[in-house]
Amino acid sequence: MLSEKLLKELNKQINYELYSAHYYLAMAGYCLSEDLPGFANFFIAQAEEEKFHAMKFFNFVDEMDGKIKISGLEEPEEDYKSALEVFKAALEHEKFVTKRIYHLMDIAMEEKEHATISFLKWFVDEQIEEENSMKDIIVQLEKISGDSHAMYMLDKELGQRVFTPPADSDQ
């Protein structure tokens, strides 16, 4: 059974994951306003992934007989100076999420809540992937600075992204 402290933090995480989806949709909107439909597609797929993460937490809390609490979402940033700035903001956001996952893991380990530890291991690995994905695109954007053809090619590449829930996930 989840402690009150751990349950409270897991519920916060459901809401942080929902906020992340909200945040990435705002970034997609910015990209569309800049005529970057591939970049927008990347963030729309990212938003779908974040909703999937929220539901993983939602279902876990339910499976652990915890009461699920959903709160309102704050308004995300939607004004940026460039695609590079968007991805730098996305990387900082992912670093924040990583800290949250580590915080949850610390509580679960402190409380010897083994089911939660097992559940969170997937997210620890996922956050490595999330941060690296953002870093890789930042590197590409820094390399192509001012090259409209390269930007067009990267936009086309990012337009190919599709979110498919992992086959081994227990949403």
N, C-alpha and C. Protein backbone atom coordinates (compact mmCIF):
# COMPACT_ATOMS: atom_id res chain seq x y z
N MET A 1 0.84 -1.19 0.00
CA MET A 1 0.00 0.00 0.00
C MET A 1 0.88 1.25 0.00
N LEU A 2 0.46 2.23 -0.75
CA LEU A 2 1.22 3.47 -0.87
C LEU A 2 1.03 4.34 0.37
N SER A 3 2.14 4.92 0.82
CA SER A 3 2.04 5.87 1.93
C SER A 3 1.35 7.13 1.42
N GLU A 4 0.87 7.93 2.34
CA GLU A 4 0.23 9.19 1.97
C GLU A 4 1.21 10.09 1.21
N LYS A 5 2.46 10.12 1.67
CA LYS A 5 3.49 10.95 1.05
C LYS A 5 3.74 10.49 -0.39
N LEU A 6 3.92 9.20 -0.60
CA LEU A 6 4.20 8.68 -1.93
C LEU A 6 2.99 8.86 -2.84
N LEU A 7 1.81 8.60 -2.33
CA LEU A 7 0.59 8.78 -3.13
C LEU A 7 0.47 10.24 -3.58
N LYS A 8 0.71 11.17 -2.68
CA LYS A 8 0.63 12.59 -3.02
C LYS A 8 1.60 12.92 -4.16
N GLU A 9 2.82 12.40 -4.07
CA GLU A 9 3.83 12.69 -5.08
C GLU A 9 3.53 11.99 -6.41
N LEU A 10 2.97 10.80 -6.37
CA LEU A 10 2.57 10.11 -7.61
C LEU A 10 1.44 10.86 -8.29
N ASN A 11 0.49 11.37 -7.52
CA ASN A 11 -0.57 12.18 -8.09
C ASN A 11 -0.02 13.47 -8.70
N LYS A 12 0.94 14.07 -8.04
CA LYS A 12 1.59 15.25 -8.61
C LYS A 12 2.22 14.89 -9.95
N GLN A 13 2.82 13.71 -10.02
CA GLN A 13 3.48 13.30 -11.26
C GLN A 13 2.48 13.09 -12.39
N ILE A 14 1.31 12.55 -12.07
CA ILE A 14 0.27 12.43 -13.10
C ILE A 14 0.03 13.81 -13.71
N ASN A 15 -0.11 14.79 -12.85
CA ASN A 15 -0.38 16.15 -13.31
C ASN A 15 0.81 16.77 -14.03
N TYR A 16 2.03 16.48 -13.58
CA TYR A 16 3.21 16.97 -14.30
C TYR A 16 3.28 16.38 -15.70
N GLU A 17 2.94 15.11 -15.83
CA GLU A 17 2.96 14.48 -17.15
C GLU A 17 1.88 15.07 -18.05
N LEU A 18 0.71 15.35 -17.50
CA LEU A 18 -0.34 16.00 -18.27
C LEU A 18 0.09 17.42 -18.67
N TYR A 19 0.74 18.11 -17.73
CA TYR A 19 1.27 19.44 -18.05
C TYR A 19 2.31 19.35 -19.16
N SER A 20 3.14 18.33 -19.13
CA SER A 20 4.16 18.17 -20.17
C SER A 20 3.51 18.05 -21.54
N ALA A 21 2.42 17.30 -21.63
CA ALA A 21 1.70 17.18 -22.90
C ALA A 21 1.19 18.56 -23.33
N HIS A 22 0.64 19.29 -22.40
CA HIS A 22 0.12 20.64 -22.62
C HIS A 22 1.25 21.55 -23.12
N TYR A 23 2.39 21.47 -22.46
CA TYR A 23 3.59 22.25 -22.77
C TYR A 23 4.07 21.97 -24.19
N TYR A 24 4.12 20.70 -24.54
CA TYR A 24 4.60 20.33 -25.87
C TYR A 24 3.60 20.70 -26.96
N LEU A 25 2.31 20.69 -26.66
CA LEU A 25 1.34 21.16 -27.65
C LEU A 25 1.52 22.66 -27.90
N ALA A 26 1.83 23.41 -26.87
CA ALA A 26 2.09 24.85 -27.05
C ALA A 26 3.33 25.04 -27.93
N MET A 27 4.34 24.21 -27.74
CA MET A 27 5.54 24.28 -28.58
C MET A 27 5.19 23.93 -30.03
N ALA A 28 4.32 22.93 -30.22
CA ALA A 28 3.88 22.57 -31.57
C ALA A 28 3.17 23.76 -32.21
N GLY A 29 2.36 24.44 -31.44
CA GLY A 29 1.67 25.62 -31.96
C GLY A 29 2.65 26.69 -32.40
N TYR A 30 3.68 26.92 -31.61
CA TYR A 30 4.71 27.89 -32.01
C TYR A 30 5.36 27.46 -33.33
N CYS A 31 5.70 26.18 -33.43
CA CYS A 31 6.36 25.68 -34.65
C CYS A 31 5.46 25.85 -35.87
N LEU A 32 4.18 25.61 -35.70
CA LEU A 32 3.25 25.82 -36.82
C LEU A 32 3.22 27.29 -37.23
N SER A 33 3.27 28.17 -36.25
CA SER A 33 3.25 29.61 -36.56
C SER A 33 4.51 30.04 -37.30
N GLU A 34 5.55 29.24 -37.19
CA GLU A 34 6.82 29.53 -37.87
C GLU A 34 6.97 28.72 -39.16
N ASP A 35 5.89 28.10 -39.62
CA ASP A 35 5.89 27.27 -40.84
C ASP A 35 6.89 26.13 -40.75
N LEU A 36 6.90 25.47 -39.60
CA LEU A 36 7.75 24.29 -39.38
C LEU A 36 6.85 23.11 -39.00
N PRO A 37 6.11 22.58 -39.96
CA PRO A 37 5.17 21.50 -39.64
C PRO A 37 5.83 20.22 -39.13
N GLY A 38 7.04 19.93 -39.56
CA GLY A 38 7.75 18.75 -39.07
C GLY A 38 8.13 18.90 -37.61
N PHE A 39 8.59 20.09 -37.24
CA PHE A 39 8.92 20.37 -35.84
C PHE A 39 7.65 20.27 -35.00
N ALA A 40 6.55 20.82 -35.54
CA ALA A 40 5.26 20.74 -34.83
C ALA A 40 4.87 19.28 -34.64
N ASN A 41 5.03 18.47 -35.68
CA ASN A 41 4.72 17.04 -35.58
C ASN A 41 5.54 16.38 -34.48
N PHE A 42 6.82 16.73 -34.40
CA PHE A 42 7.67 16.18 -33.35
C PHE A 42 7.06 16.44 -31.98
N PHE A 43 6.63 17.68 -31.74
CA PHE A 43 6.09 18.04 -30.43
C PHE A 43 4.69 17.47 -30.21
N ILE A 44 3.92 17.30 -31.26
CA ILE A 44 2.62 16.65 -31.12
C ILE A 44 2.82 15.19 -30.71
N ALA A 45 3.78 14.52 -31.33
CA ALA A 45 4.09 13.14 -30.94
C ALA A 45 4.62 13.10 -29.52
N GLN A 46 5.41 14.10 -29.15
CA GLN A 46 5.94 14.18 -27.79
C GLN A 46 4.79 14.36 -26.80
N ALA A 47 3.81 15.16 -27.16
CA ALA A 47 2.64 15.35 -26.29
C ALA A 47 1.89 14.04 -26.10
N GLU A 48 1.74 13.27 -27.17
CA GLU A 48 1.08 11.96 -27.06
C GLU A 48 1.86 11.05 -26.11
N GLU A 49 3.16 11.10 -26.21
CA GLU A 49 4.00 10.28 -25.32
C GLU A 49 3.81 10.69 -23.87
N GLU A 50 3.73 11.98 -23.63
CA GLU A 50 3.55 12.46 -22.25
C GLU A 50 2.18 12.06 -21.70
N LYS A 51 1.15 12.08 -22.54
CA LYS A 51 -0.17 11.61 -22.10
C LYS A 51 -0.11 10.12 -21.76
N PHE A 52 0.64 9.38 -22.56
CA PHE A 52 0.84 7.95 -22.28
C PHE A 52 1.51 7.77 -20.92
N HIS A 53 2.53 8.59 -20.65
CA HIS A 53 3.22 8.52 -19.35
C HIS A 53 2.25 8.83 -18.22
N ALA A 54 1.42 9.86 -18.41
CA ALA A 54 0.44 10.22 -17.38
C ALA A 54 -0.48 9.04 -17.08
N MET A 55 -0.89 8.35 -18.13
CA MET A 55 -1.79 7.21 -17.94
C MET A 55 -1.09 6.03 -17.27
N LYS A 56 0.20 5.88 -17.50
CA LYS A 56 0.95 4.83 -16.79
C LYS A 56 0.90 5.12 -15.29
N PHE A 57 1.15 6.37 -14.91
CA PHE A 57 1.07 6.73 -13.50
C PHE A 57 -0.36 6.59 -12.98
N PHE A 58 -1.32 7.06 -13.74
CA PHE A 58 -2.74 6.97 -13.39
C PHE A 58 -3.12 5.52 -13.08
N ASN A 59 -2.78 4.63 -13.99
CA ASN A 59 -3.13 3.21 -13.82
C ASN A 59 -2.36 2.57 -12.66
N PHE A 60 -1.12 2.98 -12.46
CA PHE A 60 -0.34 2.44 -11.35
C PHE A 60 -0.97 2.83 -10.01
N VAL A 61 -1.33 4.10 -9.88
CA VAL A 61 -1.96 4.55 -8.63
C VAL A 61 -3.24 3.76 -8.38
N ASP A 62 -4.01 3.56 -9.44
CA ASP A 62 -5.24 2.78 -9.32
C ASP A 62 -4.93 1.34 -8.90
N GLU A 63 -3.96 0.72 -9.54
CA GLU A 63 -3.59 -0.66 -9.21
C GLU A 63 -3.13 -0.81 -7.76
N MET A 64 -2.56 0.26 -7.24
CA MET A 64 -2.06 0.25 -5.86
C MET A 64 -3.14 0.71 -4.88
N ASP A 65 -4.39 0.77 -5.34
CA ASP A 65 -5.54 1.18 -4.54
C ASP A 65 -5.42 2.59 -3.98
N GLY A 66 -4.73 3.45 -4.73
CA GLY A 66 -4.63 4.85 -4.32
C GLY A 66 -5.72 5.68 -4.96
N LYS A 67 -6.03 6.79 -4.35
CA LYS A 67 -7.03 7.71 -4.90
C LYS A 67 -6.32 8.66 -5.87
N ILE A 68 -6.83 8.71 -7.09
CA ILE A 68 -6.25 9.56 -8.13
C ILE A 68 -6.81 10.97 -7.99
N LYS A 69 -5.91 11.95 -8.06
CA LYS A 69 -6.32 13.36 -7.97
C LYS A 69 -5.73 14.11 -9.15
N ILE A 70 -6.62 14.73 -9.91
CA ILE A 70 -6.21 15.51 -11.07
C ILE A 70 -6.43 16.99 -10.76
N SER A 71 -5.44 17.80 -11.06
CA SER A 71 -5.57 19.23 -10.81
C SER A 71 -5.50 20.00 -12.12
N GLY A 72 -5.77 21.30 -12.05
CA GLY A 72 -5.72 22.16 -13.23
C GLY A 72 -4.29 22.33 -13.71
N LEU A 73 -4.15 22.74 -14.96
CA LEU A 73 -2.84 22.92 -15.55
C LEU A 73 -2.55 24.40 -15.73
N GLU A 74 -1.31 24.78 -15.45
CA GLU A 74 -0.95 26.17 -15.67
C GLU A 74 -0.71 26.40 -17.16
N GLU A 75 -0.77 27.65 -17.56
CA GLU A 75 -0.59 27.99 -18.97
C GLU A 75 0.88 27.86 -19.34
N PRO A 76 1.18 27.13 -20.42
CA PRO A 76 2.58 26.96 -20.80
C PRO A 76 3.11 28.14 -21.61
N GLU A 77 4.40 28.28 -21.65
CA GLU A 77 5.06 29.27 -22.50
C GLU A 77 4.73 28.94 -23.95
N GLU A 78 4.52 29.96 -24.75
CA GLU A 78 4.23 29.70 -26.16
C GLU A 78 4.94 30.67 -27.10
N ASP A 79 5.72 31.58 -26.56
CA ASP A 79 6.48 32.53 -27.38
C ASP A 79 7.96 32.22 -27.29
N TYR A 80 8.56 31.99 -28.44
CA TYR A 80 9.98 31.67 -28.51
C TYR A 80 10.61 32.50 -29.62
N LYS A 81 11.92 32.58 -29.61
CA LYS A 81 12.64 33.34 -30.63
C LYS A 81 13.08 32.47 -31.80
N SER A 82 13.16 31.16 -31.57
CA SER A 82 13.65 30.27 -32.63
C SER A 82 13.34 28.82 -32.28
N ALA A 83 13.49 27.96 -33.27
CA ALA A 83 13.33 26.52 -33.04
C ALA A 83 14.38 26.03 -32.04
N LEU A 84 15.57 26.59 -32.12
CA LEU A 84 16.63 26.21 -31.18
C LEU A 84 16.20 26.55 -29.75
N GLU A 85 15.64 27.71 -29.56
CA GLU A 85 15.18 28.10 -28.22
C GLU A 85 14.08 27.15 -27.72
N VAL A 86 13.20 26.70 -28.61
CA VAL A 86 12.15 25.76 -28.25
C VAL A 86 12.76 24.47 -27.72
N PHE A 87 13.74 23.94 -28.45
CA PHE A 87 14.34 22.67 -28.04
C PHE A 87 15.18 22.82 -26.78
N LYS A 88 15.80 23.96 -26.60
CA LYS A 88 16.54 24.19 -25.34
C LYS A 88 15.56 24.23 -24.16
N ALA A 89 14.41 24.85 -24.36
CA ALA A 89 13.38 24.87 -23.31
C ALA A 89 12.86 23.45 -23.07
N ALA A 90 12.68 22.69 -24.14
CA ALA A 90 12.20 21.30 -23.99
C ALA A 90 13.22 20.47 -23.22
N LEU A 91 14.50 20.67 -23.48
CA LEU A 91 15.53 19.93 -22.74
C LEU A 91 15.48 20.30 -21.26
N GLU A 92 15.35 21.57 -20.95
CA GLU A 92 15.26 21.98 -19.54
C GLU A 92 14.03 21.37 -18.88
N HIS A 93 12.95 21.30 -19.62
CA HIS A 93 11.74 20.69 -19.07
C HIS A 93 11.98 19.21 -18.79
N GLU A 94 12.63 18.51 -19.71
CA GLU A 94 12.91 17.09 -19.50
C GLU A 94 13.84 16.88 -18.30
N LYS A 95 14.78 17.79 -18.11
CA LYS A 95 15.66 17.70 -16.93
C LYS A 95 14.84 17.85 -15.64
N PHE A 96 13.85 18.74 -15.67
CA PHE A 96 12.95 18.90 -14.53
C PHE A 96 12.19 17.60 -14.27
N VAL A 97 11.67 16.99 -15.33
CA VAL A 97 10.92 15.73 -15.19
C VAL A 97 11.85 14.65 -14.63
N THR A 98 13.08 14.60 -15.10
CA THR A 98 14.04 13.62 -14.58
C THR A 98 14.22 13.80 -13.07
N LYS A 99 14.36 15.03 -12.63
CA LYS A 99 14.50 15.30 -11.18
C LYS A 99 13.27 14.81 -10.43
N ARG A 100 12.09 15.01 -11.02
CA ARG A 100 10.84 14.53 -10.39
C ARG A 100 10.84 13.01 -10.26
N ILE A 101 11.26 12.32 -11.32
CA ILE A 101 11.30 10.85 -11.29
C ILE A 101 12.29 10.40 -10.22
N TYR A 102 13.44 11.04 -10.16
CA TYR A 102 14.43 10.69 -9.14
C TYR A 102 13.87 10.95 -7.74
N HIS A 103 13.13 12.04 -7.58
CA HIS A 103 12.50 12.35 -6.29
C HIS A 103 11.54 11.24 -5.89
N LEU A 104 10.73 10.80 -6.84
CA LEU A 104 9.80 9.70 -6.56
C LEU A 104 10.56 8.43 -6.19
N MET A 105 11.63 8.15 -6.92
CA MET A 105 12.43 6.96 -6.64
C MET A 105 13.05 7.05 -5.25
N ASP A 106 13.53 8.23 -4.88
CA ASP A 106 14.11 8.41 -3.54
C ASP A 106 13.09 8.09 -2.45
N ILE A 107 11.87 8.58 -2.62
CA ILE A 107 10.82 8.31 -1.63
C ILE A 107 10.51 6.82 -1.60
N ALA A 108 10.35 6.22 -2.78
CA ALA A 108 10.02 4.78 -2.84
C ALA A 108 11.13 3.95 -2.19
N MET A 109 12.37 4.32 -2.42
CA MET A 109 13.49 3.57 -1.83
C MET A 109 13.53 3.77 -0.31
N GLU A 110 13.31 5.00 0.12
CA GLU A 110 13.29 5.31 1.55
C GLU A 110 12.21 4.51 2.26
N GLU A 111 11.07 4.36 1.59
CA GLU A 111 9.93 3.65 2.18
C GLU A 111 9.95 2.15 1.87
N LYS A 112 10.98 1.71 1.13
CA LYS A 112 11.09 0.30 0.74
C LYS A 112 9.81 -0.17 0.04
N GLU A 113 9.29 0.70 -0.84
CA GLU A 113 8.08 0.40 -1.60
C GLU A 113 8.51 -0.22 -2.93
N HIS A 114 8.74 -1.52 -2.89
CA HIS A 114 9.37 -2.24 -4.01
C HIS A 114 8.55 -2.22 -5.29
N ALA A 115 7.24 -2.26 -5.20
CA ALA A 115 6.41 -2.21 -6.42
C ALA A 115 6.61 -0.87 -7.12
N THR A 116 6.68 0.20 -6.36
CA THR A 116 6.88 1.52 -6.95
C THR A 116 8.29 1.65 -7.52
N ILE A 117 9.27 1.11 -6.83
CA ILE A 117 10.64 1.12 -7.34
C ILE A 117 10.69 0.41 -8.69
N SER A 118 10.09 -0.74 -8.77
CA SER A 118 10.06 -1.50 -10.02
C SER A 118 9.37 -0.68 -11.11
N PHE A 119 8.25 -0.10 -10.81
CA PHE A 119 7.49 0.72 -11.76
C PHE A 119 8.33 1.91 -12.25
N LEU A 120 9.01 2.58 -11.34
CA LEU A 120 9.75 3.79 -11.69
C LEU A 120 11.00 3.53 -12.52
N LYS A 121 11.54 2.31 -12.45
CA LYS A 121 12.75 2.01 -13.23
C LYS A 121 12.52 2.27 -14.72
N TRP A 122 11.33 1.97 -15.22
CA TRP A 122 11.02 2.24 -16.63
C TRP A 122 11.18 3.73 -16.94
N PHE A 123 10.71 4.58 -16.01
CA PHE A 123 10.77 6.03 -16.22
C PHE A 123 12.20 6.56 -16.12
N VAL A 124 13.01 5.97 -15.26
CA VAL A 124 14.41 6.37 -15.17
C VAL A 124 15.07 6.17 -16.53
N ASP A 125 14.87 5.00 -17.12
CA ASP A 125 15.44 4.71 -18.44
C ASP A 125 14.83 5.62 -19.51
N GLU A 126 13.55 5.85 -19.43
CA GLU A 126 12.85 6.69 -20.40
C GLU A 126 13.40 8.11 -20.39
N GLN A 127 13.72 8.64 -19.22
CA GLN A 127 14.22 10.01 -19.13
C GLN A 127 15.59 10.15 -19.77
N ILE A 128 16.41 9.13 -19.72
CA ILE A 128 17.69 9.19 -20.42
C ILE A 128 17.43 9.39 -21.91
N GLU A 129 16.51 8.61 -22.45
CA GLU A 129 16.14 8.70 -23.86
C GLU A 129 15.56 10.08 -24.19
N GLU A 130 14.68 10.57 -23.33
CA GLU A 130 14.04 11.87 -23.57
C GLU A 130 15.07 13.00 -23.63
N GLU A 131 15.96 13.05 -22.66
CA GLU A 131 16.97 14.11 -22.64
C GLU A 131 17.91 13.99 -23.84
N ASN A 132 18.32 12.78 -24.17
CA ASN A 132 19.23 12.60 -25.30
C ASN A 132 18.58 12.99 -26.62
N SER A 133 17.31 12.72 -26.77
CA SER A 133 16.59 13.10 -27.97
C SER A 133 16.63 14.62 -28.16
N MET A 134 16.35 15.35 -27.09
CA MET A 134 16.37 16.82 -27.17
C MET A 134 17.78 17.32 -27.44
N LYS A 135 18.78 16.75 -26.75
CA LYS A 135 20.17 17.16 -26.96
C LYS A 135 20.60 16.95 -28.40
N ASP A 136 20.24 15.82 -28.99
CA ASP A 136 20.62 15.52 -30.37
C ASP A 136 20.05 16.54 -31.34
N ILE A 137 18.83 16.93 -31.14
CA ILE A 137 18.21 17.92 -32.04
C ILE A 137 18.83 19.29 -31.83
N ILE A 138 19.15 19.63 -30.59
CA ILE A 138 19.83 20.90 -30.31
C ILE A 138 21.15 20.96 -31.06
N VAL A 139 21.93 19.88 -31.02
CA VAL A 139 23.21 19.83 -31.73
C VAL A 139 22.99 20.04 -33.22
N GLN A 140 22.00 19.38 -33.77
CA GLN A 140 21.70 19.55 -35.20
C GLN A 140 21.33 20.99 -35.52
N LEU A 141 20.47 21.57 -34.70
CA LEU A 141 20.05 22.96 -34.94
C LEU A 141 21.23 23.92 -34.83
N GLU A 142 22.13 23.69 -33.90
CA GLU A 142 23.30 24.56 -33.77
C GLU A 142 24.21 24.42 -34.99
N LYS A 143 24.33 23.23 -35.53
CA LYS A 143 25.17 23.01 -36.71
C LYS A 143 24.59 23.64 -37.97
N ILE A 144 23.28 23.69 -38.09
CA ILE A 144 22.67 24.18 -39.33
C ILE A 144 22.26 25.65 -39.24
N SER A 145 22.64 26.32 -38.21
CA SER A 145 22.26 27.71 -38.00
C SER A 145 22.39 28.53 -39.29
N GLY A 146 21.25 29.08 -39.74
CA GLY A 146 21.26 29.94 -40.92
C GLY A 146 21.17 29.22 -42.25
N ASP A 147 21.23 27.90 -42.25
CA ASP A 147 21.17 27.13 -43.50
C ASP A 147 19.71 26.69 -43.72
N SER A 148 19.00 27.42 -44.58
CA SER A 148 17.58 27.14 -44.76
C SER A 148 17.32 25.77 -45.39
N HIS A 149 18.21 25.31 -46.25
CA HIS A 149 18.03 23.98 -46.85
C HIS A 149 18.15 22.90 -45.77
N ALA A 150 19.15 23.01 -44.91
CA ALA A 150 19.34 22.03 -43.83
C ALA A 150 18.15 22.08 -42.86
N MET A 151 17.63 23.28 -42.62
CA MET A 151 16.48 23.43 -41.73
C MET A 151 15.27 22.73 -42.36
N TYR A 152 15.10 22.90 -43.65
CA TYR A 152 14.01 22.23 -44.37
C TYR A 152 14.15 20.71 -44.25
N MET A 153 15.35 20.21 -44.39
CA MET A 153 15.60 18.76 -44.31
C MET A 153 15.31 18.24 -42.89
N LEU A 154 15.74 18.99 -41.88
CA LEU A 154 15.47 18.58 -40.50
C LEU A 154 13.96 18.62 -40.23
N ASP A 155 13.28 19.63 -40.74
CA ASP A 155 11.84 19.71 -40.58
C ASP A 155 11.17 18.48 -41.20
N LYS A 156 11.61 18.09 -42.38
CA LYS A 156 11.06 16.89 -43.03
C LYS A 156 11.33 15.65 -42.18
N GLU A 157 12.54 15.53 -41.65
CA GLU A 157 12.90 14.38 -40.81
C GLU A 157 12.02 14.32 -39.56
N LEU A 158 11.85 15.45 -38.89
CA LEU A 158 11.04 15.47 -37.67
C LEU A 158 9.57 15.22 -37.97
N GLY A 159 9.17 15.51 -39.18
CA GLY A 159 7.80 15.25 -39.60
C GLY A 159 7.47 13.77 -39.70
N GLN A 160 8.49 12.93 -39.69
CA GLN A 160 8.28 11.49 -39.79
C GLN A 160 8.02 10.82 -38.44
N ARG A 161 8.23 11.56 -37.37
CA ARG A 161 8.07 10.95 -36.04
C ARG A 161 6.62 10.57 -35.77
N VAL A 162 6.47 9.38 -35.23
CA VAL A 162 5.16 8.88 -34.83
C VAL A 162 5.32 8.27 -33.44
N PHE A 163 4.39 8.56 -32.55
CA PHE A 163 4.45 7.93 -31.23
C PHE A 163 3.69 6.61 -31.28
N THR A 164 4.38 5.56 -30.92
CA THR A 164 3.77 4.24 -30.78
C THR A 164 4.09 3.74 -29.38
N PRO A 165 3.07 3.48 -28.56
CA PRO A 165 3.35 2.99 -27.20
C PRO A 165 4.21 1.72 -27.26
N PRO A 166 5.18 1.63 -26.35
CA PRO A 166 6.02 0.43 -26.31
C PRO A 166 5.17 -0.83 -26.10
N ALA A 167 5.53 -1.89 -26.80
CA ALA A 167 4.78 -3.16 -26.73
C ALA A 167 4.81 -3.76 -25.32
N ASP A 168 5.88 -3.53 -24.59
CA ASP A 168 6.03 -4.12 -23.26
C ASP A 168 5.47 -3.24 -22.14
N SER A 169 4.76 -2.18 -22.51
CA SER A 169 4.25 -1.29 -21.48
C SER A 169 2.92 -1.78 -20.94
N ASP A 170 2.70 -1.46 -19.70
CA ASP A 170 1.44 -1.82 -19.02
C ASP A 170 0.63 -0.56 -18.79
N GLN A 171 0.17 0.03 -19.86
CA GLN A 171 -0.61 1.25 -19.67
C GLN A 171 -1.87 0.87 -19.01
